[in-house]
């Protein structure tokens, strides 16, 4: 799979998920490192998410760093940071993220793109949920106020 379009069309991705539990996710960035294991190119990645049902590319980049040939001093220094601050990434119960990878096929061998240090950054905002006992007490209090009002007006 040697192009970004083919990687997406043929489902060449790895995926991971984040779930808020009790609250909502408010995302800000997805950061990771990526490098290629050989000199042949082009190689790169495409990012898609479940926020739009994997319908569009959030970001895509070519990877030019190869620690073996010395085009990058350290694979952990070739970082990508994808902003996820758009409203579509705010207030989510969960999100699935896919990183599609593409690389050339040279002499029958596929040379991969290697990913690492993946960090999904954002915050979890708790949602307030009234307990059933609280709701019953609040309803009883409102009924009592209504009863007292009727009694005083009579």
N, C-alpha and C. Protein backbone atom coordinates (compact mmCIF):
# COMPACT_ATOMS: atom_id res chain seq x y z
N UNK A 1 0.87 -1.17 0.00
CA UNK A 1 0.00 0.00 0.00
C UNK A 1 0.91 1.22 0.00
N UNK A 2 0.98 1.86 -1.14
CA UNK A 2 2.01 2.87 -1.32
C UNK A 2 1.51 4.32 -1.38
N UNK A 3 0.22 4.55 -1.13
CA UNK A 3 -0.30 5.92 -1.08
C UNK A 3 -1.27 6.07 0.09
N UNK A 4 -1.48 7.30 0.49
CA UNK A 4 -2.43 7.57 1.58
C UNK A 4 -3.83 7.11 1.19
N UNK A 5 -4.23 7.38 -0.03
CA UNK A 5 -5.56 6.99 -0.49
C UNK A 5 -5.75 5.47 -0.45
N UNK A 6 -4.76 4.73 -0.91
CA UNK A 6 -4.85 3.26 -0.87
C UNK A 6 -4.90 2.75 0.56
N UNK A 7 -4.12 3.36 1.45
CA UNK A 7 -4.12 2.93 2.85
C UNK A 7 -5.52 3.05 3.45
N UNK A 8 -6.19 4.16 3.16
CA UNK A 8 -7.55 4.36 3.68
C UNK A 8 -8.53 3.40 3.01
N UNK A 9 -8.47 3.32 1.69
CA UNK A 9 -9.42 2.47 0.95
C UNK A 9 -9.25 0.99 1.28
N UNK A 10 -8.03 0.55 1.59
CA UNK A 10 -7.79 -0.86 1.86
C UNK A 10 -7.73 -1.17 3.36
N UNK A 11 -7.98 -0.17 4.20
CA UNK A 11 -8.06 -0.40 5.65
C UNK A 11 -6.74 -0.77 6.31
N UNK A 12 -5.66 -0.12 5.88
CA UNK A 12 -4.34 -0.39 6.46
C UNK A 12 -4.10 0.54 7.65
N UNK A 13 -4.69 0.20 8.78
CA UNK A 13 -4.59 1.08 9.95
C UNK A 13 -4.44 0.27 11.22
N UNK A 14 -4.01 0.96 12.27
CA UNK A 14 -4.15 0.42 13.62
C UNK A 14 -5.01 1.43 14.37
N UNK A 15 -5.71 0.94 15.38
CA UNK A 15 -6.70 1.78 16.05
C UNK A 15 -6.55 1.69 17.56
N UNK A 16 -7.02 2.74 18.21
CA UNK A 16 -7.12 2.74 19.66
C UNK A 16 -8.30 3.62 20.04
N UNK A 17 -8.76 3.49 21.27
CA UNK A 17 -9.95 4.18 21.73
C UNK A 17 -9.70 4.87 23.05
N UNK A 18 -10.51 5.88 23.30
CA UNK A 18 -10.54 6.54 24.61
C UNK A 18 -12.00 6.65 25.02
N UNK A 19 -12.29 6.31 26.26
CA UNK A 19 -13.65 6.37 26.79
C UNK A 19 -13.66 7.19 28.06
N UNK A 20 -14.66 8.05 28.17
CA UNK A 20 -14.72 8.97 29.30
C UNK A 20 -15.15 8.29 30.60
N UNK A 21 -15.88 7.21 30.54
CA UNK A 21 -16.42 6.62 31.77
C UNK A 21 -17.57 7.48 32.24
N UNK A 22 -17.44 8.10 33.40
CA UNK A 22 -18.50 9.00 33.87
C UNK A 22 -18.04 10.44 33.64
N UNK A 23 -18.40 10.97 32.53
CA UNK A 23 -18.02 12.32 32.15
C UNK A 23 -17.92 12.43 30.65
N UNK A 24 -17.29 13.50 30.18
CA UNK A 24 -17.15 13.73 28.75
C UNK A 24 -15.72 14.13 28.43
N UNK A 25 -15.24 13.66 27.28
CA UNK A 25 -13.90 14.00 26.82
C UNK A 25 -13.91 15.35 26.12
N UNK A 26 -12.93 16.16 26.40
CA UNK A 26 -12.69 17.42 25.70
C UNK A 26 -11.24 17.37 25.25
N UNK A 27 -11.04 17.01 23.97
CA UNK A 27 -9.70 16.74 23.47
C UNK A 27 -8.99 18.01 23.02
N UNK A 28 -7.66 17.96 23.03
CA UNK A 28 -6.88 19.11 22.55
C UNK A 28 -5.86 18.70 21.49
N UNK A 29 -5.09 17.62 21.71
CA UNK A 29 -4.11 17.18 20.71
C UNK A 29 -3.90 15.67 20.77
N UNK A 30 -3.41 15.16 19.66
CA UNK A 30 -2.89 13.79 19.59
C UNK A 30 -1.44 13.93 19.17
N UNK A 31 -0.55 13.47 20.03
CA UNK A 31 0.87 13.52 19.72
C UNK A 31 1.44 12.13 19.60
N UNK A 32 2.43 11.97 18.72
CA UNK A 32 3.11 10.68 18.57
C UNK A 32 4.42 10.90 17.81
N UNK A 33 5.27 9.90 17.87
CA UNK A 33 6.48 9.90 17.07
C UNK A 33 6.30 8.89 15.94
N UNK A 34 6.99 9.14 14.83
CA UNK A 34 6.92 8.23 13.69
C UNK A 34 8.24 8.30 12.94
N UNK A 35 8.68 7.15 12.47
CA UNK A 35 9.86 7.11 11.62
C UNK A 35 9.74 5.94 10.66
N UNK A 36 10.56 5.98 9.62
CA UNK A 36 10.54 4.91 8.63
C UNK A 36 11.77 4.03 8.80
N UNK A 37 11.63 2.76 8.47
CA UNK A 37 12.70 1.80 8.70
C UNK A 37 13.64 1.61 7.53
N UNK A 38 13.43 2.29 6.43
CA UNK A 38 14.31 2.19 5.27
C UNK A 38 14.33 3.52 4.54
N UNK A 39 15.10 3.60 3.46
CA UNK A 39 15.22 4.87 2.74
C UNK A 39 14.16 5.07 1.66
N UNK A 40 13.52 3.99 1.21
CA UNK A 40 12.54 4.13 0.13
C UNK A 40 11.35 4.96 0.59
N UNK A 41 10.77 5.66 -0.32
CA UNK A 41 9.63 6.50 0.02
C UNK A 41 8.69 6.58 -1.16
N UNK A 42 7.62 7.29 -1.05
CA UNK A 42 7.21 8.01 0.16
C UNK A 42 6.56 7.08 1.18
N UNK A 43 6.59 7.52 2.42
CA UNK A 43 5.92 6.82 3.52
C UNK A 43 5.22 7.87 4.36
N UNK A 44 4.13 7.48 4.94
CA UNK A 44 3.44 8.45 5.76
C UNK A 44 2.24 7.86 6.47
N UNK A 45 1.40 8.74 6.96
CA UNK A 45 0.24 8.34 7.75
C UNK A 45 -0.94 9.26 7.47
N UNK A 46 -2.11 8.74 7.78
CA UNK A 46 -3.37 9.47 7.69
C UNK A 46 -4.10 9.23 9.01
N UNK A 47 -4.66 10.29 9.58
CA UNK A 47 -5.42 10.18 10.83
C UNK A 47 -6.89 10.40 10.55
N UNK A 48 -7.73 9.48 11.02
CA UNK A 48 -9.19 9.60 10.95
C UNK A 48 -9.76 9.19 12.31
N UNK A 49 -10.95 9.73 12.62
CA UNK A 49 -11.58 9.41 13.91
C UNK A 49 -13.05 9.07 13.74
N UNK A 50 -13.60 8.49 14.79
CA UNK A 50 -15.03 8.17 14.81
C UNK A 50 -15.90 9.41 15.01
N UNK A 51 -15.29 10.56 15.32
CA UNK A 51 -16.08 11.78 15.54
C UNK A 51 -16.88 12.15 14.29
N UNK A 52 -16.39 11.78 13.10
CA UNK A 52 -17.15 11.99 11.87
C UNK A 52 -17.31 10.66 11.12
N UNK A 53 -17.36 9.57 11.87
CA UNK A 53 -17.52 8.22 11.32
C UNK A 53 -16.41 7.86 10.34
N UNK A 54 -15.19 8.33 10.61
CA UNK A 54 -14.02 8.05 9.79
C UNK A 54 -14.19 8.56 8.36
N UNK A 55 -14.99 9.60 8.19
CA UNK A 55 -15.32 10.10 6.85
C UNK A 55 -14.31 11.03 6.22
N UNK A 56 -13.43 11.64 7.02
CA UNK A 56 -12.48 12.59 6.43
C UNK A 56 -11.13 12.51 7.14
N UNK A 57 -10.11 12.97 6.45
CA UNK A 57 -8.77 13.00 7.03
C UNK A 57 -8.68 14.15 8.02
N UNK A 58 -8.30 13.84 9.25
CA UNK A 58 -8.03 14.88 10.24
C UNK A 58 -6.70 15.53 9.90
N UNK A 59 -5.72 14.69 9.54
CA UNK A 59 -4.40 15.17 9.15
C UNK A 59 -3.71 14.04 8.40
N UNK A 60 -2.72 14.39 7.60
CA UNK A 60 -1.90 13.41 6.91
C UNK A 60 -0.53 14.03 6.68
N UNK A 61 0.51 13.22 6.84
CA UNK A 61 1.88 13.73 6.66
C UNK A 61 2.77 12.63 6.11
N UNK A 62 3.80 13.06 5.44
CA UNK A 62 4.83 12.14 4.98
C UNK A 62 5.90 12.04 6.06
N UNK A 63 6.44 10.85 6.24
CA UNK A 63 7.48 10.61 7.25
C UNK A 63 8.82 10.55 6.52
N UNK A 64 9.73 11.43 6.87
CA UNK A 64 11.04 11.49 6.22
C UNK A 64 12.18 11.08 7.12
N UNK A 65 11.89 10.75 8.34
CA UNK A 65 12.91 10.44 9.34
C UNK A 65 13.28 8.96 9.30
N UNK A 66 14.59 8.67 9.16
CA UNK A 66 15.08 7.30 9.17
C UNK A 66 16.30 7.24 10.09
N UNK A 67 16.16 6.65 11.29
CA UNK A 67 17.29 6.63 12.22
C UNK A 67 18.45 5.77 11.74
N UNK A 68 18.19 4.79 10.86
CA UNK A 68 19.25 3.91 10.36
C UNK A 68 20.20 4.66 9.44
N UNK A 69 19.64 5.46 8.53
CA UNK A 69 20.49 6.19 7.57
C UNK A 69 20.94 7.54 8.11
N UNK A 70 20.43 7.92 9.27
CA UNK A 70 20.88 9.16 9.89
C UNK A 70 20.09 10.39 9.51
N UNK A 71 18.92 10.22 8.85
CA UNK A 71 18.12 11.40 8.50
C UNK A 71 17.38 11.96 9.71
N UNK A 72 17.42 11.26 10.81
CA UNK A 72 16.95 11.82 12.08
C UNK A 72 17.87 11.28 13.17
N UNK A 73 18.30 12.12 14.07
CA UNK A 73 19.25 11.67 15.08
C UNK A 73 18.67 10.66 16.07
N UNK A 74 17.39 10.74 16.34
CA UNK A 74 16.74 9.88 17.32
C UNK A 74 15.29 9.73 16.91
N UNK A 75 14.80 8.50 16.74
CA UNK A 75 13.41 8.34 16.29
C UNK A 75 12.40 9.00 17.23
N UNK A 76 12.75 9.16 18.49
CA UNK A 76 11.82 9.77 19.43
C UNK A 76 11.75 11.30 19.29
N UNK A 77 12.58 11.88 18.43
CA UNK A 77 12.54 13.33 18.26
C UNK A 77 11.71 13.74 17.05
N UNK A 78 11.27 12.80 16.24
CA UNK A 78 10.47 13.12 15.07
C UNK A 78 9.00 13.04 15.46
N UNK A 79 8.51 14.14 15.99
CA UNK A 79 7.18 14.16 16.59
C UNK A 79 6.15 14.82 15.69
N UNK A 80 4.93 14.34 15.84
CA UNK A 80 3.78 14.95 15.18
C UNK A 80 2.78 15.32 16.28
N UNK A 81 2.18 16.49 16.16
CA UNK A 81 1.14 16.92 17.08
C UNK A 81 -0.04 17.40 16.26
N UNK A 82 -1.13 16.66 16.36
CA UNK A 82 -2.33 16.96 15.59
C UNK A 82 -3.34 17.65 16.50
N UNK A 83 -3.73 18.88 16.17
CA UNK A 83 -4.72 19.58 17.00
C UNK A 83 -6.09 18.91 16.91
N UNK A 84 -6.73 18.76 18.05
CA UNK A 84 -8.09 18.20 18.13
C UNK A 84 -8.98 19.14 18.94
N UNK A 85 -8.84 20.43 18.70
CA UNK A 85 -9.59 21.41 19.49
C UNK A 85 -10.89 21.85 18.83
N UNK A 86 -11.19 21.35 17.64
CA UNK A 86 -12.45 21.70 16.98
C UNK A 86 -13.63 21.21 17.81
N UNK A 87 -14.77 21.86 17.66
CA UNK A 87 -15.96 21.46 18.43
C UNK A 87 -16.35 19.99 18.28
N UNK A 88 -16.02 19.37 17.15
CA UNK A 88 -16.37 17.96 16.94
C UNK A 88 -15.67 17.04 17.94
N UNK A 89 -14.57 17.51 18.56
CA UNK A 89 -13.81 16.71 19.52
C UNK A 89 -14.06 17.11 20.97
N UNK A 90 -15.14 17.83 21.19
CA UNK A 90 -15.47 18.29 22.54
C UNK A 90 -16.77 17.62 23.00
N UNK A 91 -16.81 17.23 24.25
CA UNK A 91 -18.02 16.65 24.83
C UNK A 91 -18.33 15.25 24.34
N UNK A 92 -17.31 14.44 24.12
CA UNK A 92 -17.50 13.07 23.62
C UNK A 92 -17.51 12.06 24.76
N UNK A 93 -18.39 11.07 24.65
CA UNK A 93 -18.38 9.97 25.62
C UNK A 93 -17.21 9.04 25.31
N UNK A 94 -16.87 8.90 24.03
CA UNK A 94 -15.74 8.07 23.62
C UNK A 94 -15.31 8.47 22.21
N UNK A 95 -14.14 8.02 21.83
CA UNK A 95 -13.64 8.26 20.48
C UNK A 95 -12.76 7.10 20.07
N UNK A 96 -12.86 6.71 18.80
CA UNK A 96 -11.97 5.72 18.21
C UNK A 96 -11.07 6.46 17.24
N UNK A 97 -9.79 6.14 17.27
CA UNK A 97 -8.81 6.82 16.44
C UNK A 97 -8.10 5.79 15.59
N UNK A 98 -7.95 6.10 14.30
CA UNK A 98 -7.24 5.22 13.37
C UNK A 98 -6.06 5.97 12.75
N UNK A 99 -4.91 5.33 12.77
CA UNK A 99 -3.74 5.82 12.05
C UNK A 99 -3.48 4.85 10.90
N UNK A 100 -3.72 5.33 9.69
CA UNK A 100 -3.46 4.56 8.48
C UNK A 100 -2.02 4.82 8.07
N UNK A 101 -1.31 3.78 7.64
CA UNK A 101 0.09 3.95 7.24
C UNK A 101 0.27 3.47 5.80
N UNK A 102 1.13 4.17 5.07
CA UNK A 102 1.47 3.74 3.72
C UNK A 102 2.98 3.78 3.53
N UNK A 103 3.47 2.88 2.67
CA UNK A 103 4.90 2.79 2.38
C UNK A 103 5.07 2.04 1.06
N UNK A 104 6.22 2.23 0.42
CA UNK A 104 6.42 1.56 -0.87
C UNK A 104 6.69 0.07 -0.70
N UNK A 105 6.46 -0.67 -1.77
CA UNK A 105 6.79 -2.08 -1.81
C UNK A 105 7.99 -2.20 -2.76
N UNK A 106 9.15 -2.47 -2.18
CA UNK A 106 10.37 -2.53 -2.97
C UNK A 106 10.87 -3.97 -2.98
N UNK A 107 10.99 -4.55 -4.17
CA UNK A 107 11.48 -5.94 -4.33
C UNK A 107 10.69 -6.92 -3.48
N UNK A 108 9.38 -6.72 -3.39
CA UNK A 108 8.52 -7.63 -2.66
C UNK A 108 8.50 -7.44 -1.16
N UNK A 109 9.27 -6.49 -0.65
CA UNK A 109 9.30 -6.25 0.80
C UNK A 109 8.60 -4.93 1.10
N UNK A 110 7.80 -4.93 2.15
CA UNK A 110 7.13 -3.71 2.58
C UNK A 110 7.94 -3.10 3.71
N UNK A 111 8.21 -1.81 3.60
CA UNK A 111 8.97 -1.10 4.61
C UNK A 111 8.01 -0.26 5.43
N UNK A 112 7.88 -0.55 6.69
CA UNK A 112 6.83 0.08 7.49
C UNK A 112 7.16 1.47 7.99
N UNK A 113 6.11 2.09 8.47
CA UNK A 113 6.23 3.30 9.28
C UNK A 113 6.05 2.84 10.72
N UNK A 114 6.94 3.27 11.60
CA UNK A 114 6.88 2.86 13.00
C UNK A 114 6.38 4.02 13.84
N UNK A 115 5.40 3.74 14.68
CA UNK A 115 4.81 4.76 15.55
C UNK A 115 5.17 4.47 17.00
N UNK A 116 5.24 5.52 17.81
CA UNK A 116 5.49 5.35 19.23
C UNK A 116 5.08 6.58 20.02
N UNK A 117 5.18 6.47 21.32
CA UNK A 117 4.92 7.59 22.24
C UNK A 117 3.58 8.28 21.97
N UNK A 118 2.54 7.52 21.78
CA UNK A 118 1.23 8.07 21.46
C UNK A 118 0.60 8.66 22.71
N UNK A 119 0.18 9.92 22.60
CA UNK A 119 -0.42 10.62 23.73
C UNK A 119 -1.64 11.40 23.26
N UNK A 120 -2.81 11.02 23.75
CA UNK A 120 -4.04 11.75 23.49
C UNK A 120 -4.23 12.71 24.65
N UNK A 121 -4.23 13.99 24.35
CA UNK A 121 -4.27 15.01 25.39
C UNK A 121 -5.62 15.72 25.39
N UNK A 122 -6.09 16.04 26.56
CA UNK A 122 -7.35 16.74 26.73
C UNK A 122 -7.73 16.72 28.19
N UNK A 123 -9.02 16.86 28.43
CA UNK A 123 -9.48 16.81 29.82
C UNK A 123 -10.80 16.05 29.88
N UNK A 124 -11.08 15.55 31.04
CA UNK A 124 -12.32 14.84 31.30
C UNK A 124 -13.17 15.75 32.17
N UNK A 125 -14.32 16.09 31.67
CA UNK A 125 -15.23 16.94 32.44
C UNK A 125 -16.34 16.05 32.99
N UNK A 126 -16.44 16.03 34.30
CA UNK A 126 -17.45 15.20 34.97
C UNK A 126 -18.84 15.74 34.69
N UNK A 127 -19.77 14.83 34.59
CA UNK A 127 -21.16 15.22 34.42
C UNK A 127 -21.88 14.99 35.73
N UNK A 128 -22.69 15.96 36.13
CA UNK A 128 -23.45 15.85 37.38
C UNK A 128 -24.72 15.06 37.11
N UNK A 129 -24.90 14.02 37.87
CA UNK A 129 -26.10 13.19 37.74
C UNK A 129 -26.74 13.11 39.13
N UNK A 130 -27.99 13.53 39.20
CA UNK A 130 -28.69 13.48 40.48
C UNK A 130 -29.00 12.03 40.84
N UNK A 131 -28.79 11.70 42.10
CA UNK A 131 -29.10 10.36 42.58
C UNK A 131 -30.62 10.26 42.76
N UNK A 132 -31.18 9.05 42.65
CA UNK A 132 -32.62 8.88 42.83
C UNK A 132 -33.13 9.42 44.16
N UNK A 133 -32.36 9.23 45.24
CA UNK A 133 -32.79 9.73 46.56
C UNK A 133 -32.89 11.24 46.53
N UNK A 134 -31.93 11.91 45.90
CA UNK A 134 -31.95 13.37 45.80
C UNK A 134 -33.17 13.85 45.04
N UNK A 135 -33.51 13.14 43.96
CA UNK A 135 -34.69 13.52 43.17
C UNK A 135 -35.98 13.38 43.99
N UNK A 136 -36.07 12.31 44.77
CA UNK A 136 -37.26 12.08 45.60
C UNK A 136 -37.37 13.18 46.66
N UNK A 137 -36.25 13.51 47.30
CA UNK A 137 -36.27 14.56 48.32
C UNK A 137 -36.62 15.91 47.71
N UNK A 138 -36.09 16.21 46.52
CA UNK A 138 -36.41 17.47 45.87
C UNK A 138 -37.90 17.52 45.51
N UNK A 139 -38.45 16.43 44.98
CA UNK A 139 -39.87 16.38 44.64
C UNK A 139 -40.74 16.54 45.89
N UNK A 140 -40.33 15.87 46.99
CA UNK A 140 -41.09 15.99 48.24
C UNK A 140 -41.06 17.43 48.74
N UNK A 141 -39.91 18.09 48.63
CA UNK A 141 -39.79 19.47 49.06
C UNK A 141 -40.68 20.40 48.24
N UNK A 142 -40.74 20.18 46.93
CA UNK A 142 -41.61 21.00 46.08
C UNK A 142 -43.08 20.77 46.40
N UNK A 143 -43.45 19.51 46.67
CA UNK A 143 -44.84 19.22 47.04
C UNK A 143 -45.19 19.89 48.37
N UNK A 144 -44.26 19.88 49.30
CA UNK A 144 -44.49 20.51 50.60
C UNK A 144 -44.67 22.02 50.45
N UNK A 145 -43.82 22.63 49.60
CA UNK A 145 -43.96 24.07 49.36
C UNK A 145 -45.32 24.39 48.74
N UNK A 146 -45.74 23.55 47.79
CA UNK A 146 -47.04 23.75 47.16
C UNK A 146 -48.18 23.61 48.16
N UNK A 147 -48.07 22.61 49.04
CA UNK A 147 -49.09 22.40 50.06
C UNK A 147 -49.15 23.58 51.02
N UNK A 148 -47.99 24.06 51.49
CA UNK A 148 -47.96 25.21 52.40
C UNK A 148 -48.54 26.46 51.74
N UNK A 149 -48.27 26.63 50.48
CA UNK A 149 -48.78 27.79 49.76
C UNK A 149 -50.31 27.74 49.66
N UNK A 150 -50.81 26.52 49.36
CA UNK A 150 -52.27 26.36 49.30
C UNK A 150 -52.90 26.61 50.66
N UNK A 151 -52.28 26.12 51.73
CA UNK A 151 -52.80 26.24 53.08
C UNK A 151 -52.82 27.71 53.52
N UNK A 152 -51.76 28.45 53.20
CA UNK A 152 -51.68 29.86 53.58
C UNK A 152 -52.65 30.74 52.78
N UNK A 153 -52.97 30.33 51.56
CA UNK A 153 -53.88 31.14 50.75
C UNK A 153 -55.35 30.87 51.07
N UNK A 154 -55.63 29.81 51.83
CA UNK A 154 -57.01 29.48 52.16
C UNK A 154 -57.56 30.29 53.31
